[in-house]
Structures are given as structure tokens and as C-alpha cells.
Amino acid sequence: MSSSARTRMLRRAAAEIRPGMVVNLGIGLPTQVLAHVPANLPVCLHSENGIAGVGPVREGAAADRNLIDAGGAYVSTVPGASFCDSATSFAIVRGGRLDLTLLGAFEVAGNGDLANWIIPGQFTPGAGGAIELAQKARRVCVLTTHADKSGRSKIRKRCELPLTAPACVDRIVTDLAVCDVTAEGLVLTELADGVSVAQVLAATDADLIVPEGAIPTF
């Protein structure tokens, strides 16, 4: 994936975050969305390791070694931020208080099933907060490349990897398109600039509904 495609995808995912939301950014690509959230946007970014009010990532001399997000990056805080233990932080998640979570994925199915915590035979430190986030956030948006490094579609008819949670995903944002999980099936709602419907269909294993008329681009 080119740097321009990555930036476009991250900016599109950042547009999912609306004023007043409480939002959790999952490990991997989702944490990079933070760089594209306007500094003056009134939102509360939550990290399951115990921060409510996460600010921009800090590096080098500007980093505070006591402040890390769930992915281990050095972060800052915004005015009004608070800290809590992990039990309280997970209670925020399990209590359904997150308006939105952005999660990465190894696979996501057309019905919203999500697999993002383990590839059998490869090391994983554990599921972390993925299961609770996928099940309890009011809205779940997946942010991922459309295909893996081998060119295999991540948007599947059925997930082959162990599930994180069934039927939990509302929207998928990739480097090629935005797709919504609906009662009728997976719907193509937006195209990345310069990408055709034919390219998306060829890159998608799941059945994809293409609406009539012009499809917006991002």
C-alpha cells in the first residue's frame, strides 16, 4: 500500500469520529488515525490500559515514558484527561459507554463477523481488549487493507480464522473502499479516489451489493 493510499484511508476513518463521542482506537492501523483527528474536535479518546482523554503521540525528547496507549506508543493527554486502573477502564467498555471503536482485522465477513486476535501457529500476546471492544461498543468500524500481504482478500464470505466476535462490525474502511454491513448484505458505499467498482469486486471474496448510480469517493 502506498503512503498516499494509507493517508487517504486513515483520513477517511478519522471522519467516523464525531464531536462528543467516546472512542477507542485499536492496536495497529487504528492508532494511526489519531494523527488525523482535528486537535479542536471535542471527543474523548479512551485507551483500555486506563486513559480517558488521549492526546497526540509523542516521540523523542517530547515523550513522557509514563504515558503509553494500549499498543505501547508514547502518547499525551488533553485537558480534562483522567486515569484509572484497568478494571475501571474495562468497565467503561463492558458497560457499553463507547460510542465507537476502530479495530484492525485479519479477516472480516460479509455478515460482520470479525477475526482480529490470532493467526494459529503465530505468536500472540493474547486477545487483549479486542473481544470486549467488538462486542460492547455501540458502533464497530474495521480499518484494514483490503487484501493481506499475499494478495488474499480480507473481506471474506466466511472468516476462516478464530473469531473475535460474531456479527459485530457495522462498517469496513479499506484502502480501496468503504463497505457497510446491512440486513440485506455487504454494501459498497464509497470508493477510494481512482479505484473502480470492478477493482473492488475483484478484490473482495464476500458477496458485495453495488448500489445503482454514482458512488461517492474519498
C-alpha atoms as a PDB file:
ATOM      1  CA  MET A   1       0.000   0.000   0.000  1.00  0.00           C
ATOM      2  CA  SER A   2       1.366   3.406  -0.963  1.00  0.00           C
ATOM      3  CA  SER A   3       1.786   6.162   1.613  1.00  0.00           C
ATOM      4  CA  SER A   4      -0.872   8.233  -0.165  1.00  0.00           C
ATOM      5  CA  ALA A   5      -3.365   5.352  -0.022  1.00  0.00           C
ATOM      6  CA  ARG A   6      -2.605   4.842   3.663  1.00  0.00           C
ATOM      7  CA  THR A   7      -3.091   8.535   4.433  1.00  0.00           C
ATOM      8  CA  ARG A   8      -6.367   8.625   2.487  1.00  0.00           C
ATOM      9  CA  MET A   9      -7.645   5.578   4.373  1.00  0.00           C
ATOM     10  CA  LEU A  10      -6.667   6.993   7.762  1.00  0.00           C
ATOM     11  CA  ARG A  11      -8.312  10.341   6.987  1.00  0.00           C
ATOM     12  CA  ARG A  12     -11.491   8.559   5.933  1.00  0.00           C
ATOM     13  CA  ALA A  13     -11.513   6.535   9.144  1.00  0.00           C
ATOM     14  CA  ALA A  14     -10.977   9.720  11.176  1.00  0.00           C
ATOM     15  CA  ALA A  15     -14.181  11.095   9.639  1.00  0.00           C
ATOM     16  CA  GLU A  16     -16.087   8.406  11.570  1.00  0.00           C
ATOM     17  CA  ILE A  17     -15.246  10.269  14.783  1.00  0.00           C
ATOM     18  CA  ARG A  18     -17.861  12.898  15.577  1.00  0.00           C
ATOM     19  CA  PRO A  19     -18.000  15.638  18.228  1.00  0.00           C
ATOM     20  CA  GLY A  20     -18.947  14.407  21.689  1.00  0.00           C
ATOM     21  CA  MET A  21     -18.045  10.765  21.089  1.00  0.00           C
ATOM     22  CA  VAL A  22     -16.144   8.460  23.426  1.00  0.00           C
ATOM     23  CA  VAL A  23     -13.864   6.482  21.108  1.00  0.00           C
ATOM     24  CA  ASN A  24     -11.365   3.637  21.411  1.00  0.00           C
ATOM     25  CA  LEU A  25      -8.668   3.212  18.750  1.00  0.00           C
ATOM     26  CA  GLY A  26      -7.482  -0.392  18.418  1.00  0.00           C
ATOM     27  CA  ILE A  27      -3.878  -1.527  18.070  1.00  0.00           C
ATOM     28  CA  GLY A  28      -2.278  -1.224  14.623  1.00  0.00           C
ATOM     29  CA  LEU A  29      -3.682   0.972  11.866  1.00  0.00           C
ATOM     30  CA  PRO A  30      -6.448   2.446  14.071  1.00  0.00           C
ATOM     31  CA  THR A  31      -3.960   4.083  16.448  1.00  0.00           C
ATOM     32  CA  GLN A  32      -2.546   5.986  13.459  1.00  0.00           C
ATOM     33  CA  VAL A  33      -5.947   7.626  12.952  1.00  0.00           C
ATOM     34  CA  LEU A  34      -5.168   9.854  15.929  1.00  0.00           C
ATOM     35  CA  ALA A  35      -2.825  11.949  13.770  1.00  0.00           C
ATOM     36  CA  HIS A  36      -5.784  12.841  11.533  1.00  0.00           C
ATOM     37  CA  VAL A  37      -8.258  13.830  14.264  1.00  0.00           C
ATOM     38  CA  PRO A  38      -8.521  17.645  14.444  1.00  0.00           C
ATOM     39  CA  ALA A  39      -6.915  18.968  17.627  1.00  0.00           C
ATOM     40  CA  ASN A  40     -10.002  21.057  18.457  1.00  0.00           C
ATOM     41  CA  LEU A  41     -12.535  18.240  17.951  1.00  0.00           C
ATOM     42  CA  PRO A  42     -14.384  17.716  21.265  1.00  0.00           C
ATOM     43  CA  VAL A  43     -14.032  13.949  21.696  1.00  0.00           C
ATOM     44  CA  CYS A  44     -12.803  11.646  24.452  1.00  0.00           C
ATOM     45  CA  LEU A  45     -10.297   9.074  23.216  1.00  0.00           C
ATOM     46  CA  HIS A  46     -10.171   6.062  25.518  1.00  0.00           C
ATOM     47  CA  SER A  47      -7.331   3.588  25.972  1.00  0.00           C
ATOM     48  CA  GLU A  48      -8.146   0.337  27.723  1.00  0.00           C
ATOM     49  CA  ASN A  49      -4.950   0.493  29.790  1.00  0.00           C
ATOM     50  CA  GLY A  50      -6.512   3.344  31.756  1.00  0.00           C
ATOM     51  CA  ILE A  51      -6.566   6.715  29.998  1.00  0.00           C
ATOM     52  CA  ALA A  52      -9.653   8.736  29.115  1.00  0.00           C
ATOM     53  CA  GLY A  53      -8.538  11.772  27.130  1.00  0.00           C
ATOM     54  CA  VAL A  54      -5.673  10.502  24.986  1.00  0.00           C
ATOM     55  CA  GLY A  55      -3.823  13.173  23.016  1.00  0.00           C
ATOM     56  CA  PRO A  56      -1.334  13.042  20.139  1.00  0.00           C
ATOM     57  CA  VAL A  57       1.568  10.587  20.017  1.00  0.00           C
ATOM     58  CA  ARG A  58       4.872  11.976  21.279  1.00  0.00           C
ATOM     59  CA  GLU A  59       8.347  10.852  20.217  1.00  0.00           C
ATOM     60  CA  GLY A  60      11.917  11.521  21.250  1.00  0.00           C
ATOM     61  CA  ALA A  61      12.532  14.128  23.923  1.00  0.00           C
ATOM     62  CA  ALA A  62       8.856  15.127  23.910  1.00  0.00           C
ATOM     63  CA  ALA A  63       7.712  11.665  25.014  1.00  0.00           C
ATOM     64  CA  ASP A  64       6.581  11.045  28.569  1.00  0.00           C
ATOM     65  CA  ARG A  65       7.721   7.484  29.352  1.00  0.00           C
ATOM     66  CA  ASN A  66       4.891   7.122  31.856  1.00  0.00           C
ATOM     67  CA  LEU A  67       2.176   7.653  29.250  1.00  0.00           C
ATOM     68  CA  ILE A  68       1.549   4.840  26.783  1.00  0.00           C
ATOM     69  CA  ASP A  69      -1.509   3.648  24.919  1.00  0.00           C
ATOM     70  CA  ALA A  70      -2.655   0.021  24.668  1.00  0.00           C
ATOM     71  CA  GLY A  71      -0.298  -0.515  21.723  1.00  0.00           C
ATOM     72  CA  GLY A  72       2.752   0.747  23.605  1.00  0.00           C
ATOM     73  CA  ALA A  73       3.080   4.119  21.846  1.00  0.00           C
ATOM     74  CA  TYR A  74       4.007   7.176  23.885  1.00  0.00           C
ATOM     75  CA  VAL A  75       1.009   9.478  23.976  1.00  0.00           C
ATOM     76  CA  SER A  76      -0.004  12.768  25.511  1.00  0.00           C
ATOM     77  CA  THR A  77      -3.209  13.799  27.232  1.00  0.00           C
ATOM     78  CA  VAL A  78      -5.715  16.556  26.569  1.00  0.00           C
ATOM     79  CA  PRO A  79      -7.073  18.989  29.196  1.00  0.00           C
ATOM     80  CA  GLY A  80      -9.518  17.174  31.458  1.00  0.00           C
ATOM     81  CA  ALA A  81      -7.968  13.752  30.891  1.00  0.00           C
ATOM     82  CA  SER A  82      -8.223  11.194  33.667  1.00  0.00           C
ATOM     83  CA  PHE A  83      -6.501   7.969  34.644  1.00  0.00           C
ATOM     84  CA  CYS A  84      -7.935   4.785  36.102  1.00  0.00           C
ATOM     85  CA  ASP A  85      -6.958   1.183  36.710  1.00  0.00           C
ATOM     86  CA  SER A  86      -7.546  -1.492  34.083  1.00  0.00           C
ATOM     87  CA  ALA A  87     -10.610  -2.871  35.865  1.00  0.00           C
ATOM     88  CA  THR A  88     -12.341   0.511  35.705  1.00  0.00           C
ATOM     89  CA  SER A  89     -11.213   1.078  32.140  1.00  0.00           C
ATOM     90  CA  PHE A  90     -12.652  -2.248  31.027  1.00  0.00           C
ATOM     91  CA  ALA A  91     -15.838  -1.487  32.950  1.00  0.00           C
ATOM     92  CA  ILE A  92     -16.216   1.545  30.690  1.00  0.00           C
ATOM     93  CA  VAL A  93     -16.024  -0.794  27.696  1.00  0.00           C
ATOM     94  CA  ARG A  94     -18.212  -3.552  29.109  1.00  0.00           C
ATOM     95  CA  GLY A  95     -20.783  -1.038  30.284  1.00  0.00           C
ATOM     96  CA  GLY A  96     -21.433  -0.004  26.683  1.00  0.00           C
ATOM     97  CA  ARG A  97     -20.118   3.538  27.167  1.00  0.00           C
ATOM     98  CA  LEU A  98     -18.026   3.636  23.989  1.00  0.00           C
ATOM     99  CA  ASP A  99     -19.781   5.313  21.081  1.00  0.00           C
ATOM    100  CA  LEU A 100     -17.279   3.954  18.570  1.00  0.00           C
ATOM    101  CA  THR A 101     -14.310   1.644  18.311  1.00  0.00           C
ATOM    102  CA  LEU A 102     -11.986   1.440  15.320  1.00  0.00           C
ATOM    103  CA  LEU A 103     -10.406  -2.016  15.076  1.00  0.00           C
ATOM    104  CA  GLY A 104      -7.942  -3.731  12.786  1.00  0.00           C
ATOM    105  CA  ALA A 105      -8.692  -7.098  11.218  1.00  0.00           C
ATOM    106  CA  PHE A 106      -7.100 -10.218   9.811  1.00  0.00           C
ATOM    107  CA  GLU A 107     -10.476 -11.124   8.302  1.00  0.00           C
ATOM    108  CA  VAL A 108     -13.987  -9.694   8.348  1.00  0.00           C
ATOM    109  CA  ALA A 109     -17.015 -11.450   6.883  1.00  0.00           C
ATOM    110  CA  GLY A 110     -19.892 -10.029   4.914  1.00  0.00           C
ATOM    111  CA  ASN A 111     -22.226 -10.596   7.869  1.00  0.00           C
ATOM    112  CA  GLY A 112     -19.972  -8.609  10.220  1.00  0.00           C
ATOM    113  CA  ASP A 113     -18.046 -11.481  11.829  1.00  0.00           C
ATOM    114  CA  LEU A 114     -14.591 -10.296  12.932  1.00  0.00           C
ATOM    115  CA  ALA A 115     -11.299 -12.195  13.274  1.00  0.00           C
ATOM    116  CA  ASN A 116      -8.504  -9.978  14.526  1.00  0.00           C
ATOM    117  CA  TRP A 117      -6.752 -11.527  17.513  1.00  0.00           C
ATOM    118  CA  ILE A 118      -4.848 -14.655  16.415  1.00  0.00           C
ATOM    119  CA  ILE A 119      -3.436 -16.478  13.411  1.00  0.00           C
ATOM    120  CA  PRO A 120      -2.965 -20.108  14.521  1.00  0.00           C
ATOM    121  CA  GLY A 121       0.700 -21.064  14.660  1.00  0.00           C
ATOM    122  CA  GLN A 122       1.877 -17.489  15.137  1.00  0.00           C
ATOM    123  CA  PHE A 123       2.704 -15.800  18.426  1.00  0.00           C
ATOM    124  CA  THR A 124       0.082 -13.590  20.001  1.00  0.00           C
ATOM    125  CA  PRO A 125       0.221 -11.907  23.426  1.00  0.00           C
ATOM    126  CA  GLY A 126      -3.496 -12.600  23.843  1.00  0.00           C
ATOM    127  CA  ALA A 127      -6.843 -11.173  22.848  1.00  0.00           C
ATOM    128  CA  GLY A 128      -6.350  -8.057  24.960  1.00  0.00           C
ATOM    129  CA  GLY A 129      -9.405  -5.830  24.823  1.00  0.00           C
ATOM    130  CA  ALA A 130     -10.458  -6.910  21.330  1.00  0.00           C
ATOM    131  CA  ILE A 131     -13.310  -9.194  22.377  1.00  0.00           C
ATOM    132  CA  GLU A 132     -14.913  -6.669  24.728  1.00  0.00           C
ATOM    133  CA  LEU A 133     -14.463  -3.792  22.268  1.00  0.00           C
ATOM    134  CA  ALA A 134     -16.021  -5.750  19.408  1.00  0.00           C
ATOM    135  CA  GLN A 135     -18.996  -6.858  21.471  1.00  0.00           C
ATOM    136  CA  LYS A 136     -19.749  -3.814  23.602  1.00  0.00           C
ATOM    137  CA  ALA A 137     -19.010  -0.653  21.601  1.00  0.00           C
ATOM    138  CA  ARG A 138     -22.169   0.940  20.223  1.00  0.00           C
ATOM    139  CA  ARG A 139     -20.595   1.096  16.769  1.00  0.00           C
ATOM    140  CA  VAL A 140     -17.706  -1.001  15.415  1.00  0.00           C
ATOM    141  CA  CYS A 141     -15.723   0.145  12.405  1.00  0.00           C
ATOM    142  CA  VAL A 142     -12.947  -2.017  10.958  1.00  0.00           C
ATOM    143  CA  LEU A 143      -9.919  -0.333   9.429  1.00  0.00           C
ATOM    144  CA  THR A 144      -7.772  -2.659   7.326  1.00  0.00           C
ATOM    145  CA  THR A 145      -6.125  -3.180   3.967  1.00  0.00           C
ATOM    146  CA  HIS A 146      -8.494  -4.834   1.519  1.00  0.00           C
ATOM    147  CA  ALA A 147      -6.034  -7.704   0.973  1.00  0.00           C
ATOM    148  CA  ASP A 148      -3.255  -9.277   3.026  1.00  0.00           C
ATOM    149  CA  LYS A 149       0.422  -9.312   2.055  1.00  0.00           C
ATOM    150  CA  SER A 150      -0.183 -12.363  -0.144  1.00  0.00           C
ATOM    151  CA  GLY A 151      -2.954 -10.604  -2.049  1.00  0.00           C
ATOM    152  CA  ARG A 152      -5.706 -12.661  -0.410  1.00  0.00           C
ATOM    153  CA  SER A 153      -8.910 -10.779   0.296  1.00  0.00           C
ATOM    154  CA  LYS A 154      -9.541  -9.924   3.934  1.00  0.00           C
ATOM    155  CA  ILE A 155     -13.213  -9.266   3.173  1.00  0.00           C
ATOM    156  CA  ARG A 156     -14.488 -12.839   3.250  1.00  0.00           C
ATOM    157  CA  LYS A 157     -17.711 -14.747   2.677  1.00  0.00           C
ATOM    158  CA  ARG A 158     -16.854 -16.500   5.925  1.00  0.00           C
ATOM    159  CA  CYS A 159     -13.962 -15.985   8.342  1.00  0.00           C
ATOM    160  CA  GLU A 160     -11.557 -18.916   8.409  1.00  0.00           C
ATOM    161  CA  LEU A 161      -9.565 -17.667  11.407  1.00  0.00           C
ATOM    162  CA  PRO A 162     -10.829 -17.893  15.014  1.00  0.00           C
ATOM    163  CA  LEU A 163     -13.486 -15.251  15.594  1.00  0.00           C
ATOM    164  CA  THR A 164     -13.062 -12.322  17.919  1.00  0.00           C
ATOM    165  CA  ALA A 165     -16.821 -11.731  17.896  1.00  0.00           C
ATOM    166  CA  PRO A 166     -19.711 -12.673  15.585  1.00  0.00           C
ATOM    167  CA  ALA A 167     -21.799 -10.169  13.616  1.00  0.00           C
ATOM    168  CA  CYS A 168     -20.298  -7.161  15.389  1.00  0.00           C
ATOM    169  CA  VAL A 169     -18.963  -4.968  12.558  1.00  0.00           C
ATOM    170  CA  ASP A 170     -21.022  -2.063  11.225  1.00  0.00           C
ATOM    171  CA  ARG A 171     -18.610  -0.543   8.682  1.00  0.00           C
ATOM    172  CA  ILE A 172     -15.373  -1.534   6.927  1.00  0.00           C
ATOM    173  CA  VAL A 173     -12.891   1.087   5.727  1.00  0.00           C
ATOM    174  CA  THR A 174     -10.068  -0.160   3.493  1.00  0.00           C
ATOM    175  CA  ASP A 175      -7.525   1.298   1.105  1.00  0.00           C
ATOM    176  CA  LEU A 176      -9.994   0.599  -1.728  1.00  0.00           C
ATOM    177  CA  ALA A 177     -13.478   1.232  -0.399  1.00  0.00           C
ATOM    178  CA  VAL A 178     -15.981   1.719   2.392  1.00  0.00           C
ATOM    179  CA  CYS A 179     -18.496  -1.091   2.866  1.00  0.00           C
ATOM    180  CA  ASP A 180     -21.451  -1.263   5.259  1.00  0.00           C
ATOM    181  CA  VAL A 181     -22.809  -4.405   6.876  1.00  0.00           C
ATOM    182  CA  THR A 182     -26.601  -4.346   6.474  1.00  0.00           C
ATOM    183  CA  ALA A 183     -29.508  -6.743   6.910  1.00  0.00           C
ATOM    184  CA  GLU A 184     -29.510  -7.201   3.130  1.00  0.00           C
ATOM    185  CA  GLY A 185     -25.761  -7.921   2.953  1.00  0.00           C
ATOM    186  CA  LEU A 186     -22.471  -6.110   2.482  1.00  0.00           C
ATOM    187  CA  VAL A 187     -22.992  -2.849   0.592  1.00  0.00           C
ATOM    188  CA  LEU A 188     -20.354  -0.838  -1.263  1.00  0.00           C
ATOM    189  CA  THR A 189     -20.921   2.757  -0.138  1.00  0.00           C
ATOM    190  CA  GLU A 190     -17.734   4.632  -1.102  1.00  0.00           C
ATOM    191  CA  LEU A 191     -14.737   4.195  -3.378  1.00  0.00           C
ATOM    192  CA  ALA A 192     -11.183   5.390  -2.829  1.00  0.00           C
ATOM    193  CA  ASP A 193     -10.170   8.043  -5.334  1.00  0.00           C
ATOM    194  CA  GLY A 194      -9.048   6.386  -8.571  1.00  0.00           C
ATOM    195  CA  VAL A 195     -10.446   2.947  -7.674  1.00  0.00           C
ATOM    196  CA  SER A 196     -13.191   1.375  -9.806  1.00  0.00           C
ATOM    197  CA  VAL A 197     -16.106  -0.807  -8.787  1.00  0.00           C
ATOM    198  CA  ALA A 198     -14.584  -3.620 -10.852  1.00  0.00           C
ATOM    199  CA  GLN A 199     -11.346  -3.421  -8.849  1.00  0.00           C
ATOM    200  CA  VAL A 200     -13.224  -3.657  -5.558  1.00  0.00           C
ATOM    201  CA  LEU A 201     -15.333  -6.584  -6.741  1.00  0.00           C
ATOM    202  CA  ALA A 202     -12.212  -8.418  -7.924  1.00  0.00           C
ATOM    203  CA  ALA A 203     -10.500  -7.847  -4.572  1.00  0.00           C
ATOM    204  CA  THR A 204     -13.481  -8.915  -2.419  1.00  0.00           C
ATOM    205  CA  ASP A 205     -14.240 -12.537  -1.552  1.00  0.00           C
ATOM    206  CA  ALA A 206     -17.554 -11.700   0.113  1.00  0.00           C
ATOM    207  CA  ASP A 207     -20.682 -11.061  -1.928  1.00  0.00           C
ATOM    208  CA  LEU A 208     -20.934  -7.315  -2.400  1.00  0.00           C
ATOM    209  CA  ILE A 209     -24.043  -5.290  -3.188  1.00  0.00           C
ATOM    210  CA  VAL A 210     -23.310  -2.404  -5.564  1.00  0.00           C
ATOM    211  CA  PRO A 211     -25.992   0.300  -5.451  1.00  0.00           C
ATOM    212  CA  GLU A 212     -27.228   1.936  -8.618  1.00  0.00           C
ATOM    213  CA  GLY A 213     -25.972   5.372  -9.572  1.00  0.00           C
ATOM    214  CA  ALA A 214     -22.779   7.215  -8.714  1.00  0.00           C
ATOM    215  CA  ILE A 215     -20.804   6.042  -5.692  1.00  0.00           C
ATOM    216  CA  PRO A 216     -19.109   8.753  -3.588  1.00  0.00           C
ATOM    217  CA  THR A 217     -15.314   8.805  -3.386  1.00  0.00           C
ATOM    218  CA  PHE A 218     -12.918   9.614  -0.562  1.00  0.00           C
END
